[in-house]
């Protein structure tokens, strides 16, 4: 467990289950799971685990956002999605005992609860009814991965891919008079890793979106005035 907490600040306070999927656990299972975890604070750009590393356990996202990605032997990276509050990272590898299949890196300062593999498997043995919820979570992760591959591999153009990505991110945004706004502070190169495009292509596409008033920027915040207009470009 200590290896899962190196370089972070830990907190010993009692935690509440943070996600909707945990509400399907029995009260006893929720209490047992949270008793195994200690909330820990991680800095931005902290790698929680890398693909091909031996699975040490899972991380429950309590606050913040975590980028999930895969890498090629040539150093190319494809970012799959952003994990948010309530998600369990490293689930498949922890259950199967295989190496982590993805890399997980915090985008901003975040708070997570690491649970060592042995402790998590012990939890599942004590609460076999939790397997149904865990199975549903694994199915959801698979569906999200398929959707991302569909966007990268089958979308016809960079504007379509980027429009889909921005609409997806806006689902966790805030509705205001000007439209829907959300935090947007990644570099254009990092954004390109989500859609399989170069930094230059992302820059040109965002400039076009801005000129067409499909998006607007205010510091690290992006606003979509009309999701319907952007969706028409994304062919949603």
C-alpha atoms as a PDB file:
ATOM      1  CA  UNK A   1       0.000   0.000   0.000  1.00  0.00           C
ATOM      2  CA  UNK A   2       2.827   2.418   0.797  1.00  0.00           C
ATOM      3  CA  UNK A   3       4.021   2.217  -2.825  1.00  0.00           C
ATOM      4  CA  UNK A   4       0.613   3.498  -3.904  1.00  0.00           C
ATOM      5  CA  UNK A   5       0.968   6.608  -1.735  1.00  0.00           C
ATOM      6  CA  UNK A   6       4.526   7.762  -2.353  1.00  0.00           C
ATOM      7  CA  UNK A   7       4.791  11.502  -2.883  1.00  0.00           C
ATOM      8  CA  UNK A   8       1.281  12.325  -1.706  1.00  0.00           C
ATOM      9  CA  UNK A   9      -0.380  13.723   1.397  1.00  0.00           C
ATOM     10  CA  UNK A  10      -2.716  11.302   3.173  1.00  0.00           C
ATOM     11  CA  UNK A  11      -5.754  12.033   5.337  1.00  0.00           C
ATOM     12  CA  UNK A  12      -7.104   9.665   7.926  1.00  0.00           C
ATOM     13  CA  UNK A  13     -10.657  10.957   8.119  1.00  0.00           C
ATOM     14  CA  UNK A  14     -13.664   8.737   7.505  1.00  0.00           C
ATOM     15  CA  UNK A  15     -14.886   8.918   3.922  1.00  0.00           C
ATOM     16  CA  UNK A  16     -18.234   8.540   2.239  1.00  0.00           C
ATOM     17  CA  UNK A  17     -18.634   6.495  -0.949  1.00  0.00           C
ATOM     18  CA  UNK A  18     -18.264   9.119  -3.704  1.00  0.00           C
ATOM     19  CA  UNK A  19     -19.970   7.682  -6.784  1.00  0.00           C
ATOM     20  CA  UNK A  20     -23.379   6.596  -7.973  1.00  0.00           C
ATOM     21  CA  UNK A  21     -22.204   3.039  -8.583  1.00  0.00           C
ATOM     22  CA  UNK A  22     -21.280   2.630  -4.914  1.00  0.00           C
ATOM     23  CA  UNK A  23     -24.874   3.289  -3.917  1.00  0.00           C
ATOM     24  CA  UNK A  24     -25.699  -0.164  -5.274  1.00  0.00           C
ATOM     25  CA  UNK A  25     -23.513  -1.704  -2.586  1.00  0.00           C
ATOM     26  CA  UNK A  26     -25.132  -2.722   0.681  1.00  0.00           C
ATOM     27  CA  UNK A  27     -24.479  -0.354   3.609  1.00  0.00           C
ATOM     28  CA  UNK A  28     -22.139  -2.980   5.074  1.00  0.00           C
ATOM     29  CA  UNK A  29     -20.189  -3.236   1.808  1.00  0.00           C
ATOM     30  CA  UNK A  30     -19.920   0.552   1.492  1.00  0.00           C
ATOM     31  CA  UNK A  31     -18.585   0.838   5.028  1.00  0.00           C
ATOM     32  CA  UNK A  32     -16.144  -2.027   4.504  1.00  0.00           C
ATOM     33  CA  UNK A  33     -14.822  -0.594   1.222  1.00  0.00           C
ATOM     34  CA  UNK A  34     -14.221   2.866   2.623  1.00  0.00           C
ATOM     35  CA  UNK A  35     -12.529   1.431   5.704  1.00  0.00           C
ATOM     36  CA  UNK A  36      -9.841   0.072   3.368  1.00  0.00           C
ATOM     37  CA  UNK A  37      -9.123   3.435   1.766  1.00  0.00           C
ATOM     38  CA  UNK A  38      -7.346   6.554   2.944  1.00  0.00           C
ATOM     39  CA  UNK A  39      -7.930   9.759   1.002  1.00  0.00           C
ATOM     40  CA  UNK A  40      -4.677  11.016  -0.484  1.00  0.00           C
ATOM     41  CA  UNK A  41      -3.864  14.282  -2.233  1.00  0.00           C
ATOM     42  CA  UNK A  42      -1.933  14.089  -5.515  1.00  0.00           C
ATOM     43  CA  UNK A  43      -0.331  16.963  -7.474  1.00  0.00           C
ATOM     44  CA  UNK A  44      -1.105  17.739 -11.110  1.00  0.00           C
ATOM     45  CA  UNK A  45       0.552  15.549 -13.753  1.00  0.00           C
ATOM     46  CA  UNK A  46       1.175  12.756 -11.252  1.00  0.00           C
ATOM     47  CA  UNK A  47       1.320   9.273 -12.812  1.00  0.00           C
ATOM     48  CA  UNK A  48      -0.707   6.940 -10.628  1.00  0.00           C
ATOM     49  CA  UNK A  49       0.255   3.899 -12.672  1.00  0.00           C
ATOM     50  CA  UNK A  50       1.590   3.093 -16.132  1.00  0.00           C
ATOM     51  CA  UNK A  51       0.582   0.426 -18.614  1.00  0.00           C
ATOM     52  CA  UNK A  52       2.518  -2.844 -18.321  1.00  0.00           C
ATOM     53  CA  UNK A  53       3.229  -2.183 -14.630  1.00  0.00           C
ATOM     54  CA  UNK A  54       2.239  -4.908 -12.199  1.00  0.00           C
ATOM     55  CA  UNK A  55      -1.214  -4.140 -10.810  1.00  0.00           C
ATOM     56  CA  UNK A  56      -0.852  -2.908  -7.230  1.00  0.00           C
ATOM     57  CA  UNK A  57      -4.518  -2.111  -6.660  1.00  0.00           C
ATOM     58  CA  UNK A  58      -7.275   0.346  -7.521  1.00  0.00           C
ATOM     59  CA  UNK A  59      -7.718   4.079  -7.066  1.00  0.00           C
ATOM     60  CA  UNK A  60     -11.099   5.614  -6.268  1.00  0.00           C
ATOM     61  CA  UNK A  61     -11.389   9.166  -7.628  1.00  0.00           C
ATOM     62  CA  UNK A  62     -12.702  11.456  -4.879  1.00  0.00           C
ATOM     63  CA  UNK A  63     -11.938  14.857  -6.409  1.00  0.00           C
ATOM     64  CA  UNK A  64     -10.295  16.055  -9.608  1.00  0.00           C
ATOM     65  CA  UNK A  65      -9.741  14.565 -13.058  1.00  0.00           C
ATOM     66  CA  UNK A  66      -7.455  11.778 -14.282  1.00  0.00           C
ATOM     67  CA  UNK A  67      -6.371  11.277 -17.892  1.00  0.00           C
ATOM     68  CA  UNK A  68      -6.334   7.675 -19.114  1.00  0.00           C
ATOM     69  CA  UNK A  69      -4.107   6.880 -22.089  1.00  0.00           C
ATOM     70  CA  UNK A  70      -2.252   4.172 -23.997  1.00  0.00           C
ATOM     71  CA  UNK A  71       1.166   4.473 -25.612  1.00  0.00           C
ATOM     72  CA  UNK A  72       2.972   2.859 -28.531  1.00  0.00           C
ATOM     73  CA  UNK A  73       6.542   1.563 -28.478  1.00  0.00           C
ATOM     74  CA  UNK A  74       7.438   4.556 -30.698  1.00  0.00           C
ATOM     75  CA  UNK A  75       6.238   6.981 -28.040  1.00  0.00           C
ATOM     76  CA  UNK A  76       2.930   7.968 -29.634  1.00  0.00           C
ATOM     77  CA  UNK A  77       0.061   8.445 -27.186  1.00  0.00           C
ATOM     78  CA  UNK A  78      -3.684   8.074 -27.547  1.00  0.00           C
ATOM     79  CA  UNK A  79      -5.692   9.567 -24.701  1.00  0.00           C
ATOM     80  CA  UNK A  80      -8.829   7.507 -24.115  1.00  0.00           C
ATOM     81  CA  UNK A  81     -10.886   9.643 -21.757  1.00  0.00           C
ATOM     82  CA  UNK A  82     -10.940  11.641 -18.525  1.00  0.00           C
ATOM     83  CA  UNK A  83     -11.980   9.855 -15.331  1.00  0.00           C
ATOM     84  CA  UNK A  84     -13.857  11.868 -12.736  1.00  0.00           C
ATOM     85  CA  UNK A  85     -15.296  11.643  -9.232  1.00  0.00           C
ATOM     86  CA  UNK A  86     -16.648   8.230  -8.265  1.00  0.00           C
ATOM     87  CA  UNK A  87     -14.727   6.172 -10.829  1.00  0.00           C
ATOM     88  CA  UNK A  88     -12.506   3.223  -9.907  1.00  0.00           C
ATOM     89  CA  UNK A  89      -9.205   3.145 -11.798  1.00  0.00           C
ATOM     90  CA  UNK A  90      -7.195  -0.013 -12.457  1.00  0.00           C
ATOM     91  CA  UNK A  91     -10.182  -2.262 -11.892  1.00  0.00           C
ATOM     92  CA  UNK A  92      -9.688  -4.848 -14.665  1.00  0.00           C
ATOM     93  CA  UNK A  93      -5.979  -5.356 -13.976  1.00  0.00           C
ATOM     94  CA  UNK A  94      -6.507  -5.585 -10.225  1.00  0.00           C
ATOM     95  CA  UNK A  95      -9.161  -8.282 -10.568  1.00  0.00           C
ATOM     96  CA  UNK A  96      -7.357 -10.319 -13.243  1.00  0.00           C
ATOM     97  CA  UNK A  97      -3.846  -9.934 -11.850  1.00  0.00           C
ATOM     98  CA  UNK A  98      -2.568  -8.807 -15.252  1.00  0.00           C
ATOM     99  CA  UNK A  99      -0.464  -5.649 -15.724  1.00  0.00           C
ATOM    100  CA  UNK A 100      -2.231  -2.304 -15.964  1.00  0.00           C
ATOM    101  CA  UNK A 101      -3.493  -1.906 -19.531  1.00  0.00           C
ATOM    102  CA  UNK A 102      -3.510   1.928 -19.453  1.00  0.00           C
ATOM    103  CA  UNK A 103      -1.631   4.863 -17.947  1.00  0.00           C
ATOM    104  CA  UNK A 104      -3.442   7.059 -15.418  1.00  0.00           C
ATOM    105  CA  UNK A 105      -2.198  10.619 -14.819  1.00  0.00           C
ATOM    106  CA  UNK A 106      -3.798  13.444 -12.833  1.00  0.00           C
ATOM    107  CA  UNK A 107      -4.687  16.486 -14.948  1.00  0.00           C
ATOM    108  CA  UNK A 108      -4.926  18.859 -11.977  1.00  0.00           C
ATOM    109  CA  UNK A 109      -4.378  18.479  -8.211  1.00  0.00           C
ATOM    110  CA  UNK A 110      -6.663  15.615  -7.222  1.00  0.00           C
ATOM    111  CA  UNK A 111      -7.751  13.527  -4.268  1.00  0.00           C
ATOM    112  CA  UNK A 112      -7.970   9.753  -4.628  1.00  0.00           C
ATOM    113  CA  UNK A 113      -8.286   6.736  -2.369  1.00  0.00           C
ATOM    114  CA  UNK A 114      -5.869   3.907  -3.204  1.00  0.00           C
ATOM    115  CA  UNK A 115      -6.840   0.357  -2.184  1.00  0.00           C
ATOM    116  CA  UNK A 116      -4.191  -2.361  -2.445  1.00  0.00           C
ATOM    117  CA  UNK A 117      -5.000  -5.370  -4.623  1.00  0.00           C
ATOM    118  CA  UNK A 118      -4.991  -7.898  -1.790  1.00  0.00           C
ATOM    119  CA  UNK A 119      -7.359  -5.766   0.269  1.00  0.00           C
ATOM    120  CA  UNK A 120      -9.691  -5.128  -2.661  1.00  0.00           C
ATOM    121  CA  UNK A 121      -9.902  -8.819  -3.581  1.00  0.00           C
ATOM    122  CA  UNK A 122     -10.594  -9.587   0.063  1.00  0.00           C
ATOM    123  CA  UNK A 123     -13.444  -7.083  -0.028  1.00  0.00           C
ATOM    124  CA  UNK A 124     -14.965  -8.856  -3.044  1.00  0.00           C
ATOM    125  CA  UNK A 125     -14.723 -12.215  -1.277  1.00  0.00           C
ATOM    126  CA  UNK A 126     -16.539 -10.818   1.765  1.00  0.00           C
ATOM    127  CA  UNK A 127     -19.195  -9.134  -0.375  1.00  0.00           C
ATOM    128  CA  UNK A 128     -19.831 -11.273  -3.497  1.00  0.00           C
ATOM    129  CA  UNK A 129     -22.951  -9.232  -4.231  1.00  0.00           C
ATOM    130  CA  UNK A 130     -20.607  -6.386  -5.178  1.00  0.00           C
ATOM    131  CA  UNK A 131     -19.515  -8.314  -8.272  1.00  0.00           C
ATOM    132  CA  UNK A 132     -22.666  -7.216 -10.095  1.00  0.00           C
ATOM    133  CA  UNK A 133     -21.777  -3.552  -9.620  1.00  0.00           C
ATOM    134  CA  UNK A 134     -18.127  -4.196 -10.511  1.00  0.00           C
ATOM    135  CA  UNK A 135     -19.210  -6.058 -13.657  1.00  0.00           C
ATOM    136  CA  UNK A 136     -21.424  -3.123 -14.668  1.00  0.00           C
ATOM    137  CA  UNK A 137     -18.504  -0.729 -14.163  1.00  0.00           C
ATOM    138  CA  UNK A 138     -16.216  -2.865 -16.337  1.00  0.00           C
ATOM    139  CA  UNK A 139     -18.907  -2.968 -19.034  1.00  0.00           C
ATOM    140  CA  UNK A 140     -19.219   0.825 -18.874  1.00  0.00           C
ATOM    141  CA  UNK A 141     -15.451   1.227 -19.245  1.00  0.00           C
ATOM    142  CA  UNK A 142     -15.454  -1.056 -22.274  1.00  0.00           C
ATOM    143  CA  UNK A 143     -18.299   0.886 -23.886  1.00  0.00           C
ATOM    144  CA  UNK A 144     -16.481   4.201 -23.328  1.00  0.00           C
ATOM    145  CA  UNK A 145     -13.293   2.780 -24.860  1.00  0.00           C
ATOM    146  CA  UNK A 146     -15.257   1.593 -27.915  1.00  0.00           C
ATOM    147  CA  UNK A 147     -16.839   5.015 -28.302  1.00  0.00           C
ATOM    148  CA  UNK A 148     -13.439   6.709 -28.184  1.00  0.00           C
ATOM    149  CA  UNK A 149     -12.010   4.315 -30.785  1.00  0.00           C
ATOM    150  CA  UNK A 150     -15.090   4.944 -32.937  1.00  0.00           C
ATOM    151  CA  UNK A 151     -14.475   8.689 -32.783  1.00  0.00           C
ATOM    152  CA  UNK A 152     -10.754   8.431 -33.552  1.00  0.00           C
ATOM    153  CA  UNK A 153     -10.999   5.716 -36.166  1.00  0.00           C
ATOM    154  CA  UNK A 154     -14.292   6.368 -37.924  1.00  0.00           C
ATOM    155  CA  UNK A 155     -15.013  10.102 -37.679  1.00  0.00           C
ATOM    156  CA  UNK A 156     -14.303  11.596 -41.093  1.00  0.00           C
ATOM    157  CA  UNK A 157     -12.503  14.801 -40.150  1.00  0.00           C
ATOM    158  CA  UNK A 158     -10.623  16.599 -37.386  1.00  0.00           C
ATOM    159  CA  UNK A 159     -13.450  19.137 -36.856  1.00  0.00           C
ATOM    160  CA  UNK A 160     -15.936  16.294 -36.375  1.00  0.00           C
ATOM    161  CA  UNK A 161     -13.627  14.538 -33.909  1.00  0.00           C
ATOM    162  CA  UNK A 162     -12.921  17.702 -31.944  1.00  0.00           C
ATOM    163  CA  UNK A 163     -16.589  18.705 -31.857  1.00  0.00           C
ATOM    164  CA  UNK A 164     -17.497  15.306 -30.422  1.00  0.00           C
ATOM    165  CA  UNK A 165     -14.754  15.587 -27.815  1.00  0.00           C
ATOM    166  CA  UNK A 166     -15.837  19.064 -26.682  1.00  0.00           C
ATOM    167  CA  UNK A 167     -19.468  17.964 -26.451  1.00  0.00           C
ATOM    168  CA  UNK A 168     -18.428  14.986 -24.341  1.00  0.00           C
ATOM    169  CA  UNK A 169     -16.448  17.201 -21.970  1.00  0.00           C
ATOM    170  CA  UNK A 170     -19.306  19.679 -21.770  1.00  0.00           C
ATOM    171  CA  UNK A 171     -21.513  17.006 -20.183  1.00  0.00           C
ATOM    172  CA  UNK A 172     -19.673  17.756 -16.932  1.00  0.00           C
ATOM    173  CA  UNK A 173     -19.836  21.513 -17.453  1.00  0.00           C
ATOM    174  CA  UNK A 174     -21.987  24.280 -16.010  1.00  0.00           C
ATOM    175  CA  UNK A 175     -25.003  25.765 -17.790  1.00  0.00           C
ATOM    176  CA  UNK A 176     -24.925  29.587 -17.831  1.00  0.00           C
ATOM    177  CA  UNK A 177     -26.678  32.320 -19.802  1.00  0.00           C
ATOM    178  CA  UNK A 178     -23.889  32.276 -22.401  1.00  0.00           C
ATOM    179  CA  UNK A 179     -24.167  28.516 -22.935  1.00  0.00           C
ATOM    180  CA  UNK A 180     -22.277  25.634 -21.345  1.00  0.00           C
ATOM    181  CA  UNK A 181     -18.858  26.266 -19.825  1.00  0.00           C
ATOM    182  CA  UNK A 182     -16.196  23.922 -18.484  1.00  0.00           C
ATOM    183  CA  UNK A 183     -12.555  23.871 -17.495  1.00  0.00           C
ATOM    184  CA  UNK A 184     -10.254  23.738 -20.512  1.00  0.00           C
ATOM    185  CA  UNK A 185      -6.575  24.132 -19.727  1.00  0.00           C
ATOM    186  CA  UNK A 186      -4.862  21.334 -21.651  1.00  0.00           C
ATOM    187  CA  UNK A 187      -2.363  22.175 -24.364  1.00  0.00           C
ATOM    188  CA  UNK A 188      -3.323  21.737 -28.005  1.00  0.00           C
ATOM    189  CA  UNK A 189      -0.875  18.835 -28.200  1.00  0.00           C
ATOM    190  CA  UNK A 190      -2.638  17.095 -25.290  1.00  0.00           C
ATOM    191  CA  UNK A 191      -6.018  17.672 -26.931  1.00  0.00           C
ATOM    192  CA  UNK A 192      -4.670  16.169 -30.140  1.00  0.00           C
ATOM    193  CA  UNK A 193      -3.855  12.977 -28.246  1.00  0.00           C
ATOM    194  CA  UNK A 194      -7.593  12.463 -27.690  1.00  0.00           C
ATOM    195  CA  UNK A 195      -8.496  12.620 -31.377  1.00  0.00           C
ATOM    196  CA  UNK A 196      -5.345  11.383 -33.107  1.00  0.00           C
ATOM    197  CA  UNK A 197      -4.476  14.800 -34.546  1.00  0.00           C
ATOM    198  CA  UNK A 198      -1.408  17.033 -34.525  1.00  0.00           C
ATOM    199  CA  UNK A 199      -1.066  20.159 -32.398  1.00  0.00           C
ATOM    200  CA  UNK A 200      -1.226  22.292 -35.540  1.00  0.00           C
ATOM    201  CA  UNK A 201      -4.495  20.667 -36.626  1.00  0.00           C
ATOM    202  CA  UNK A 202      -6.053  21.273 -33.219  1.00  0.00           C
ATOM    203  CA  UNK A 203      -4.948  24.927 -33.265  1.00  0.00           C
ATOM    204  CA  UNK A 204      -6.417  25.517 -36.736  1.00  0.00           C
ATOM    205  CA  UNK A 205      -9.674  23.741 -35.861  1.00  0.00           C
ATOM    206  CA  UNK A 206     -10.177  25.632 -32.601  1.00  0.00           C
ATOM    207  CA  UNK A 207      -9.514  28.904 -34.406  1.00  0.00           C
ATOM    208  CA  UNK A 208     -12.186  28.004 -36.963  1.00  0.00           C
ATOM    209  CA  UNK A 209     -14.626  27.092 -34.175  1.00  0.00           C
ATOM    210  CA  UNK A 210     -13.943  30.419 -32.479  1.00  0.00           C
ATOM    211  CA  UNK A 211     -14.390  32.427 -35.682  1.00  0.00           C
ATOM    212  CA  UNK A 212     -17.699  30.657 -36.322  1.00  0.00           C
ATOM    213  CA  UNK A 213     -18.760  31.407 -32.718  1.00  0.00           C
ATOM    214  CA  UNK A 214     -19.109  27.705 -31.940  1.00  0.00           C
ATOM    215  CA  UNK A 215     -16.856  28.163 -28.898  1.00  0.00           C
ATOM    216  CA  UNK A 216     -15.358  31.006 -26.880  1.00  0.00           C
ATOM    217  CA  UNK A 217     -12.428  31.126 -24.473  1.00  0.00           C
ATOM    218  CA  UNK A 218     -12.020  33.009 -21.201  1.00  0.00           C
ATOM    219  CA  UNK A 219      -8.728  32.077 -19.577  1.00  0.00           C
ATOM    220  CA  UNK A 220      -8.862  28.367 -18.748  1.00  0.00           C
ATOM    221  CA  UNK A 221     -12.617  28.184 -19.380  1.00  0.00           C
ATOM    222  CA  UNK A 222     -14.256  27.191 -22.678  1.00  0.00           C
ATOM    223  CA  UNK A 223     -17.894  28.058 -23.398  1.00  0.00           C
ATOM    224  CA  UNK A 224     -20.119  26.415 -26.000  1.00  0.00           C
ATOM    225  CA  UNK A 225     -22.880  28.948 -26.830  1.00  0.00           C
ATOM    226  CA  UNK A 226     -25.022  26.365 -28.649  1.00  0.00           C
ATOM    227  CA  UNK A 227     -24.458  22.650 -28.157  1.00  0.00           C
ATOM    228  CA  UNK A 228     -26.934  22.019 -30.975  1.00  0.00           C
ATOM    229  CA  UNK A 229     -24.787  23.989 -33.439  1.00  0.00           C
ATOM    230  CA  UNK A 230     -21.657  22.118 -32.425  1.00  0.00           C
ATOM    231  CA  UNK A 231     -23.529  18.797 -32.533  1.00  0.00           C
ATOM    232  CA  UNK A 232     -24.524  19.443 -36.141  1.00  0.00           C
ATOM    233  CA  UNK A 233     -20.835  19.674 -37.000  1.00  0.00           C
ATOM    234  CA  UNK A 234     -20.151  16.479 -35.061  1.00  0.00           C
ATOM    235  CA  UNK A 235     -22.975  14.669 -36.877  1.00  0.00           C
ATOM    236  CA  UNK A 236     -24.456  13.632 -33.514  1.00  0.00           C
END
